[in-house]
Protein backbone atom coordinates (compact mmCIF):
# COMPACT_ATOMS: atom_id res chain seq x y z
CA MET A 1 -13.45 -4.83 16.47
CA SER A 2 -14.42 -6.78 19.59
CA GLN A 3 -12.12 -4.48 21.58
CA SER A 4 -11.16 -0.90 20.76
CA THR A 5 -7.36 -1.33 20.71
CA TYR A 6 -4.94 -4.14 19.91
CA ARG A 7 -1.18 -4.37 20.28
CA ILE A 8 0.18 -6.91 17.82
CA ILE A 9 3.64 -8.01 16.72
CA GLY A 10 4.04 -8.75 13.00
CA LEU A 11 6.83 -11.00 11.73
CA MET A 12 7.80 -10.87 8.06
CA SER A 13 10.52 -12.67 6.11
CA GLY A 14 10.72 -11.94 2.41
CA THR A 15 12.11 -13.95 -0.49
CA SER A 16 15.14 -11.65 -0.81
CA LEU A 17 16.46 -13.06 2.52
CA ASP A 18 17.39 -9.63 3.88
CA GLY A 19 16.36 -10.68 7.38
CA LEU A 20 13.45 -10.99 9.74
CA ASP A 21 11.33 -7.85 10.08
CA ILE A 22 9.57 -7.42 13.44
CA ALA A 23 7.12 -4.62 14.09
CA CYS A 24 5.03 -3.90 17.17
CA CYS A 25 1.82 -2.30 15.85
CA ASN A 26 -1.04 -0.60 17.60
CA PHE A 27 -4.51 -0.64 16.05
CA GLU A 28 -7.24 1.58 17.46
CA GLN A 29 -10.87 1.81 16.38
CA ASN A 30 -12.47 5.23 16.73
CA GLY A 31 -15.50 6.99 15.31
CA GLU A 32 -13.68 7.87 12.09
CA GLY A 33 -12.30 4.41 11.39
CA LEU A 34 -9.17 2.42 12.15
CA ASN A 35 -5.92 4.10 13.15
CA TYR A 36 -2.58 2.31 13.18
CA LYS A 37 0.88 3.05 14.50
CA ILE A 38 4.18 1.19 14.29
CA GLU A 39 5.41 1.61 17.84
CA GLU A 40 8.72 -0.24 17.53
CA ALA A 41 10.40 -2.09 14.70
CA VAL A 42 13.68 -3.83 13.95
CA THR A 43 15.21 -6.12 11.34
CA TYR A 44 17.30 -9.06 12.52
CA LYS A 45 19.73 -9.92 9.73
CA TYR A 46 20.05 -13.62 9.04
CA ASN A 47 23.44 -15.18 9.79
CA GLU A 48 25.08 -17.28 7.06
CA GLU A 49 23.70 -20.50 8.53
CA TRP A 50 20.09 -19.34 8.26
CA ARG A 51 20.59 -17.70 4.88
CA GLU A 52 22.00 -20.99 3.57
CA LYS A 53 19.26 -23.08 5.16
CA LEU A 54 16.37 -20.93 3.96
CA SER A 55 17.76 -20.74 0.42
CA THR A 56 18.35 -24.53 0.09
CA ILE A 57 15.77 -26.23 2.34
CA HIS A 58 13.49 -26.89 -0.65
CA ASN A 59 15.98 -29.59 -1.68
CA ALA A 60 16.01 -31.31 1.75
CA SER A 61 14.56 -34.66 2.76
CA ALA A 62 11.12 -34.79 4.35
CA TYR A 63 12.68 -35.31 7.78
CA GLU A 64 15.08 -32.38 7.38
CA PHE A 65 12.25 -30.17 6.12
CA ALA A 66 9.95 -31.01 9.02
CA LEU A 67 12.80 -30.41 11.48
CA ALA A 68 13.62 -27.06 9.86
CA ASN A 69 9.99 -25.97 10.10
CA THR A 70 10.12 -26.49 13.87
CA GLU A 71 13.62 -25.04 14.26
CA TYR A 72 12.68 -21.90 12.33
CA GLY A 73 9.54 -21.54 14.46
CA TYR A 74 11.74 -21.59 17.56
CA TYR A 75 14.06 -19.04 15.91
CA LEU A 76 11.09 -16.73 15.25
CA ALA A 77 10.00 -17.13 18.88
CA GLU A 78 13.52 -16.41 20.12
CA LYS A 79 13.72 -13.21 18.10
CA ALA A 80 10.22 -12.18 19.15
CA ASN A 81 11.14 -12.66 22.80
CA GLU A 82 14.38 -10.72 22.31
CA PHE A 83 12.43 -7.90 20.65
CA ILE A 84 9.83 -7.81 23.42
CA SER A 85 12.50 -7.76 26.12
CA THR A 86 14.79 -5.22 24.44
CA LYS A 87 11.95 -2.81 23.63
CA ASN A 88 10.15 -3.37 26.97
CA ILE A 89 6.89 -4.25 25.24
CA SER A 90 3.88 -5.32 27.29
CA GLY A 91 0.15 -5.87 26.80
CA LEU A 92 0.49 -7.89 23.58
CA ASP A 93 -2.62 -9.48 22.13
CA LEU A 94 -1.14 -11.43 19.24
CA ILE A 95 1.98 -12.43 17.35
CA VAL A 96 1.35 -12.72 13.65
CA SER A 97 3.86 -14.57 11.48
CA HIS A 98 3.97 -14.71 7.71
CA GLY A 99 6.72 -17.34 7.81
CA HIS A 100 9.28 -17.75 5.04
CA THR A 101 7.94 -18.95 1.70
CA ILE A 102 9.73 -22.09 0.56
CA PHE A 103 7.26 -23.43 -2.00
CA HIS A 104 4.65 -21.44 -3.91
CA GLN A 105 2.91 -23.51 -6.58
CA PRO A 106 -0.77 -22.51 -6.71
CA GLU A 107 -1.04 -24.31 -10.05
CA ASN A 108 -0.41 -27.49 -8.02
CA LYS A 109 -2.70 -26.35 -5.16
CA PHE A 110 0.34 -25.98 -2.96
CA THR A 111 2.11 -23.25 -0.99
CA PHE A 112 4.23 -23.50 2.15
CA GLN A 113 5.58 -20.88 4.52
CA LEU A 114 8.23 -22.23 6.88
CA GLY A 115 7.98 -21.52 10.64
CA SER A 116 5.83 -23.48 13.07
CA GLY A 117 3.18 -21.30 14.66
CA ALA A 118 2.87 -23.80 17.50
CA ALA A 119 6.57 -23.29 18.27
CA ILE A 120 6.08 -19.51 18.37
CA ALA A 121 3.04 -19.67 20.66
CA GLY A 122 4.69 -22.29 22.88
CA ARG A 123 7.93 -20.40 23.37
CA THR A 124 6.44 -16.91 23.71
CA GLY A 125 3.20 -17.74 25.52
CA ILE A 126 1.40 -15.37 23.14
CA THR A 127 -1.44 -16.38 20.83
CA THR A 128 0.00 -16.72 17.34
CA VAL A 129 -1.60 -16.46 13.90
CA CYS A 130 0.21 -17.97 10.88
CA ASP A 131 -0.32 -19.95 7.63
CA PHE A 132 -2.28 -17.29 5.75
CA ARG A 133 -2.03 -18.58 2.19
CA THR A 134 -3.17 -22.20 2.15
CA LEU A 135 -6.92 -21.64 2.52
CA ASP A 136 -7.01 -19.30 -0.46
CA VAL A 137 -5.07 -21.84 -2.56
CA ALA A 138 -7.56 -24.51 -1.48
CA LEU A 139 -10.28 -22.17 -2.80
CA ASN A 140 -8.55 -22.17 -6.20
CA GLY A 141 -6.82 -18.86 -5.57
CA GLN A 142 -3.20 -17.80 -6.02
CA GLY A 143 -2.66 -17.42 -2.29
CA ALA A 144 -1.01 -14.09 -3.12
CA PRO A 145 -0.75 -11.19 -2.87
CA LEU A 146 -2.36 -10.89 0.57
CA VAL A 147 -1.32 -7.35 1.44
CA PRO A 148 -3.94 -5.57 -0.78
CA ILE A 149 -6.72 -5.66 1.83
CA GLY A 150 -4.34 -3.75 4.10
CA ASP A 151 -3.52 -1.37 1.27
CA ALA A 152 -7.23 -0.70 0.80
CA LEU A 153 -8.05 -0.17 4.48
CA LEU A 154 -4.84 1.40 5.85
CA PHE A 155 -3.33 3.23 2.81
CA SER A 156 -6.46 4.30 0.94
CA LYS A 157 -5.09 7.77 0.05
CA PHE A 158 -2.80 6.16 -2.54
CA HIS A 159 -4.25 4.93 -5.80
CA TYR A 160 -1.40 2.46 -6.34
CA CYS A 161 0.54 0.57 -3.69
CA LEU A 162 3.73 -0.92 -5.09
CA ASN A 163 6.01 -3.21 -3.09
CA LEU A 164 9.55 -3.78 -4.33
CA GLY A 165 10.67 -6.84 -2.38
CA GLY A 166 12.01 -10.11 -3.73
CA ILE A 167 9.03 -9.88 -6.08
CA ALA A 168 7.28 -6.68 -7.17
CA ASN A 169 3.55 -6.57 -6.57
CA ILE A 170 1.00 -3.84 -7.02
CA SER A 171 -2.54 -3.23 -5.77
CA PHE A 172 -5.20 -0.69 -6.70
CA ASP A 173 -8.97 -0.18 -6.97
CA SER A 174 -10.61 -0.95 -10.29
CA ASN A 175 -14.35 -0.64 -10.87
CA GLY A 176 -15.06 -0.80 -7.16
CA LYS A 177 -12.89 -3.86 -6.52
CA ARG A 178 -9.37 -4.24 -5.18
CA ILE A 179 -7.09 -5.69 -7.84
CA ALA A 180 -3.53 -6.89 -7.16
CA PHE A 181 -0.96 -9.23 -8.62
CA ASP A 182 2.75 -9.97 -8.80
CA ILE A 183 4.48 -8.08 -11.57
CA CYS A 184 8.05 -9.38 -11.88
CA PRO A 185 11.06 -10.40 -9.79
CA VAL A 186 13.11 -7.60 -8.22
CA ASN A 187 15.53 -8.15 -5.32
CA LEU A 188 15.37 -11.91 -5.69
CA VAL A 189 17.31 -11.41 -8.94
CA LEU A 190 19.17 -8.12 -8.32
CA ASN A 191 20.67 -9.35 -5.04
CA GLN A 192 21.90 -12.60 -6.57
CA LEU A 193 23.60 -10.77 -9.41
CA ALA A 194 25.19 -8.31 -6.99
CA GLN A 195 26.53 -11.25 -4.98
CA THR A 196 28.49 -12.44 -8.04
CA LEU A 197 30.39 -9.15 -7.68
CA GLY A 198 31.04 -9.67 -3.98
CA LYS A 199 28.18 -7.46 -2.73
CA ASN A 200 25.16 -8.54 -0.71
CA TYR A 201 23.01 -6.17 -2.77
CA ASP A 202 23.34 -3.34 -5.27
CA ASN A 203 23.61 -0.32 -2.94
CA GLU A 204 21.42 2.50 -4.35
CA GLY A 205 21.67 0.80 -7.76
CA GLU A 206 25.25 1.93 -8.28
CA LEU A 207 26.25 -1.29 -10.03
CA ALA A 208 23.27 -1.10 -12.39
CA LEU A 209 24.06 2.56 -13.09
CA SER A 210 27.59 1.61 -14.10
CA GLY A 211 26.28 -0.89 -16.64
CA SER A 212 24.55 -0.40 -19.97
CA LEU A 213 21.33 -1.67 -21.50
CA ASN A 214 21.52 -4.91 -23.47
CA ASN A 215 18.65 -4.66 -25.95
CA ASN A 216 18.58 -8.37 -26.79
CA LEU A 217 18.27 -9.43 -23.14
CA PHE A 218 15.75 -6.64 -22.53
CA GLU A 219 13.57 -7.89 -25.39
CA LYS A 220 13.75 -11.55 -24.30
CA LEU A 221 12.77 -10.74 -20.73
CA ASN A 222 9.85 -8.57 -21.81
CA ASN A 223 8.56 -11.38 -24.04
CA LEU A 224 8.33 -13.99 -21.29
CA ASP A 225 4.91 -15.67 -21.29
CA PHE A 226 4.08 -14.59 -17.72
CA TYR A 227 3.81 -10.95 -18.86
CA LYS A 228 1.26 -11.89 -21.51
CA THR A 229 -1.23 -13.24 -18.97
CA SER A 230 -3.79 -11.14 -17.15
CA GLY A 231 -5.94 -11.51 -14.07
CA ALA A 232 -4.88 -13.04 -10.76
CA LYS A 233 -1.29 -14.20 -10.95
CA SER A 234 1.64 -14.67 -8.59
CA LEU A 235 5.32 -15.53 -8.75
CA GLY A 236 7.64 -17.60 -6.60
CA ARG A 237 11.25 -18.71 -6.40
CA GLU A 238 10.46 -21.68 -8.64
CA TRP A 239 9.48 -19.51 -11.64
CA VAL A 240 12.52 -17.28 -11.20
CA GLU A 241 14.83 -20.29 -11.16
CA LYS A 242 13.15 -22.19 -14.00
CA VAL A 243 12.25 -19.33 -16.35
CA PHE A 244 13.85 -15.97 -15.54
CA PHE A 245 17.42 -16.90 -14.61
CA PRO A 246 17.97 -19.25 -17.59
CA VAL A 247 17.31 -16.31 -19.91
CA VAL A 248 19.63 -14.03 -17.95
CA ASN A 249 22.36 -16.69 -17.71
CA SER A 250 22.23 -17.36 -21.47
CA PHE A 251 23.93 -13.99 -21.99
CA GLU A 252 27.68 -13.91 -21.41
CA ILE A 253 27.83 -10.23 -20.47
CA PRO A 254 29.06 -8.38 -17.36
CA ALA A 255 26.83 -8.51 -14.26
CA GLN A 256 26.57 -4.72 -14.33
CA GLU A 257 25.03 -4.93 -17.81
CA LYS A 258 22.56 -7.54 -16.60
CA LEU A 259 21.64 -5.38 -13.57
CA ASN A 260 21.10 -2.32 -15.76
CA THR A 261 18.93 -4.26 -18.20
CA ILE A 262 16.87 -5.95 -15.49
CA CYS A 263 16.21 -2.60 -13.78
CA GLU A 264 14.92 -1.26 -17.09
CA HIS A 265 12.81 -4.38 -17.48
CA ILE A 266 11.33 -4.00 -13.96
CA ALA A 267 10.53 -0.32 -14.54
CA LEU A 268 8.81 -1.03 -17.85
CA GLN A 269 6.70 -3.87 -16.45
CA ILE A 270 5.59 -1.70 -13.51
CA ALA A 271 4.73 1.17 -15.84
CA LYS A 272 2.34 -1.06 -17.80
CA HIS A 273 0.13 -1.20 -14.71
CA ALA A 274 0.52 2.37 -13.41
CA LYS A 275 -0.90 4.46 -16.23
CA ASN A 276 -3.02 6.95 -14.29
CA ALA A 277 -1.12 10.24 -14.60
CA LYS A 278 -3.17 11.82 -11.78
CA ALA A 279 -2.54 8.99 -9.34
CA LYS A 280 -0.12 8.73 -6.43
CA MET A 281 1.89 5.50 -6.19
CA LEU A 282 3.26 4.52 -2.77
CA VAL A 283 6.53 2.58 -3.13
CA THR A 284 7.79 0.40 -0.26
CA GLY A 285 10.10 -2.57 0.23
CA GLY A 286 13.88 -2.77 -0.04
CA GLY A 287 13.81 -1.81 -3.72
CA ALA A 288 12.64 1.70 -2.71
CA TYR A 289 16.26 2.37 -1.68
CA ASN A 290 17.54 1.46 -5.15
CA CYS A 291 17.89 5.01 -6.47
CA TYR A 292 18.65 3.93 -10.02
CA LEU A 293 15.62 1.62 -10.17
CA ILE A 294 13.33 4.36 -8.77
CA GLU A 295 14.73 6.78 -11.36
CA ARG A 296 13.85 4.35 -14.19
CA ILE A 297 10.37 3.74 -12.74
CA LYS A 298 9.77 7.50 -12.64
CA PHE A 299 10.96 7.74 -16.24
CA HIS A 300 8.52 5.09 -17.50
CA THR A 301 5.39 5.57 -15.40
CA GLN A 302 2.88 8.39 -15.61
CA ALA A 303 1.91 8.13 -11.93
CA SER A 304 3.45 10.26 -9.21
CA VAL A 305 5.98 8.10 -7.34
CA ILE A 306 5.88 8.60 -3.53
CA ILE A 307 8.73 7.28 -1.40
CA PRO A 308 7.60 7.36 2.28
CA ASP A 309 9.60 7.42 5.52
CA ASN A 310 12.07 4.60 6.18
CA GLN A 311 9.85 2.89 8.73
CA THR A 312 7.01 2.55 6.22
CA ILE A 313 9.42 1.41 3.48
CA GLU A 314 10.88 -1.32 5.62
CA TYR A 315 7.97 -2.47 7.81
CA LYS A 316 4.76 -1.93 5.83
CA GLU A 317 4.41 -5.66 5.13
CA ALA A 318 5.03 -6.60 8.76
CA LEU A 319 2.39 -3.99 9.71
CA ILE A 320 -0.14 -5.34 7.23
CA PHE A 321 0.40 -8.97 8.26
CA ALA A 322 -0.20 -7.88 11.84
CA PHE A 323 -3.46 -6.40 10.55
CA LEU A 324 -4.33 -9.62 8.64
CA GLY A 325 -3.81 -11.52 11.88
CA LEU A 326 -6.18 -9.11 13.65
CA LEU A 327 -8.84 -9.70 10.99
CA ARG A 328 -8.36 -13.47 11.33
CA PHE A 329 -8.64 -13.28 15.10
CA GLU A 330 -11.90 -11.36 14.73
CA ARG A 331 -13.16 -13.81 12.10
CA LYS A 332 -13.33 -11.17 9.39
CA ASN A 333 -12.32 -11.62 5.76
CA ASN A 334 -8.61 -10.97 5.21
CA THR A 335 -8.18 -12.40 1.70
CA LEU A 336 -9.88 -10.95 -1.38
CA ALA A 337 -11.06 -13.18 -4.21
CA SER A 338 -10.87 -10.15 -6.55
CA VAL A 339 -7.10 -10.23 -5.93
CA THR A 340 -6.27 -13.93 -5.78
CA GLY A 341 -8.86 -15.36 -8.19
CA ALA A 342 -10.30 -17.66 -5.50
CA SER A 343 -13.90 -18.80 -5.56
CA THR A 344 -14.74 -16.56 -2.59
CA ASP A 345 -13.29 -14.10 -0.09
CA SER A 346 -11.95 -15.93 2.95
CA THR A 347 -10.56 -15.64 6.48
CA GLY A 348 -7.17 -17.30 6.24
CA GLY A 349 -4.76 -18.21 9.00
CA ALA A 350 -4.20 -20.78 11.71
CA ILE A 351 -4.44 -19.75 15.36
CA TYR A 352 -2.34 -21.24 18.15
CA LEU A 353 -3.48 -20.08 21.57
CA GLY A 354 -0.88 -18.83 24.04
CA LYS A 355 -1.18 -18.88 27.79
CA ILE A 356 -4.77 -18.46 28.89
């Protein structure tokens, strides 16, 4: 590191639309390696207007889309400024924004994360790093997952790192290389089904627990072509809407039964990739609070399932994107070809300078 310590704000918005995660992270280089600490963190829940806009903007006109990209950038800046003021944070080096994924189609050489980095830098006055995925896609990669380099360097004591967000993804070392990929949808599907029952999400998996397994749906989901492919692979909203939901919606059964069956499906798919009985598996993301889902994962997998403190559960991705921004700022690789399938490792991200 060109300097021994950095204070960086990480902004993360996941596909499950829970809200905007903001974490102020401290990174310090010492003789033993890199230490990190989440100093402050908060989640700003989206109001109905932003939830609606972020969930439907993919159908907008080009003008509306371009406008939303700028508006959302200003929203991110507004929340960052509010966070900085409320928490009395000073001495910031960077703001790092993942943005909100609207399109993810690596097969078409295309991915887009909403939220203008220029708007963030302009409104906060702080140098901003954003747009992490497009370079990897241009290098014939999946553009995802990006978190695994952070898993390898910050959470190395765990053999498996599993994130249960809108999409489940896992990373681990295999033959000296970091391997990672998306496994299956999680909260992107579970939340939508819970909403048909008047709930924003299935609290602790109580709705799923009240349902029963539908073997026919379970079999059809497990036989989807995506699960038969290996190597670098990623999922987005498009696949869930075009492939996953049509199968689920073809069954005229109670939502509780669908939730139960999908939880079993998620647990089984995860277990296929966590077979080391001696390994520890760190589980983070909103799905870590779904007690029923965690119970089914523990039932199917041979690995030891570790649920960390709430701060790590909720802000690990914001922390790691802050770290990816640090790597980009220092011109170091932050994207692994062994994970994404790209032609080479790369240093992804666009930098917008703040006040100099």
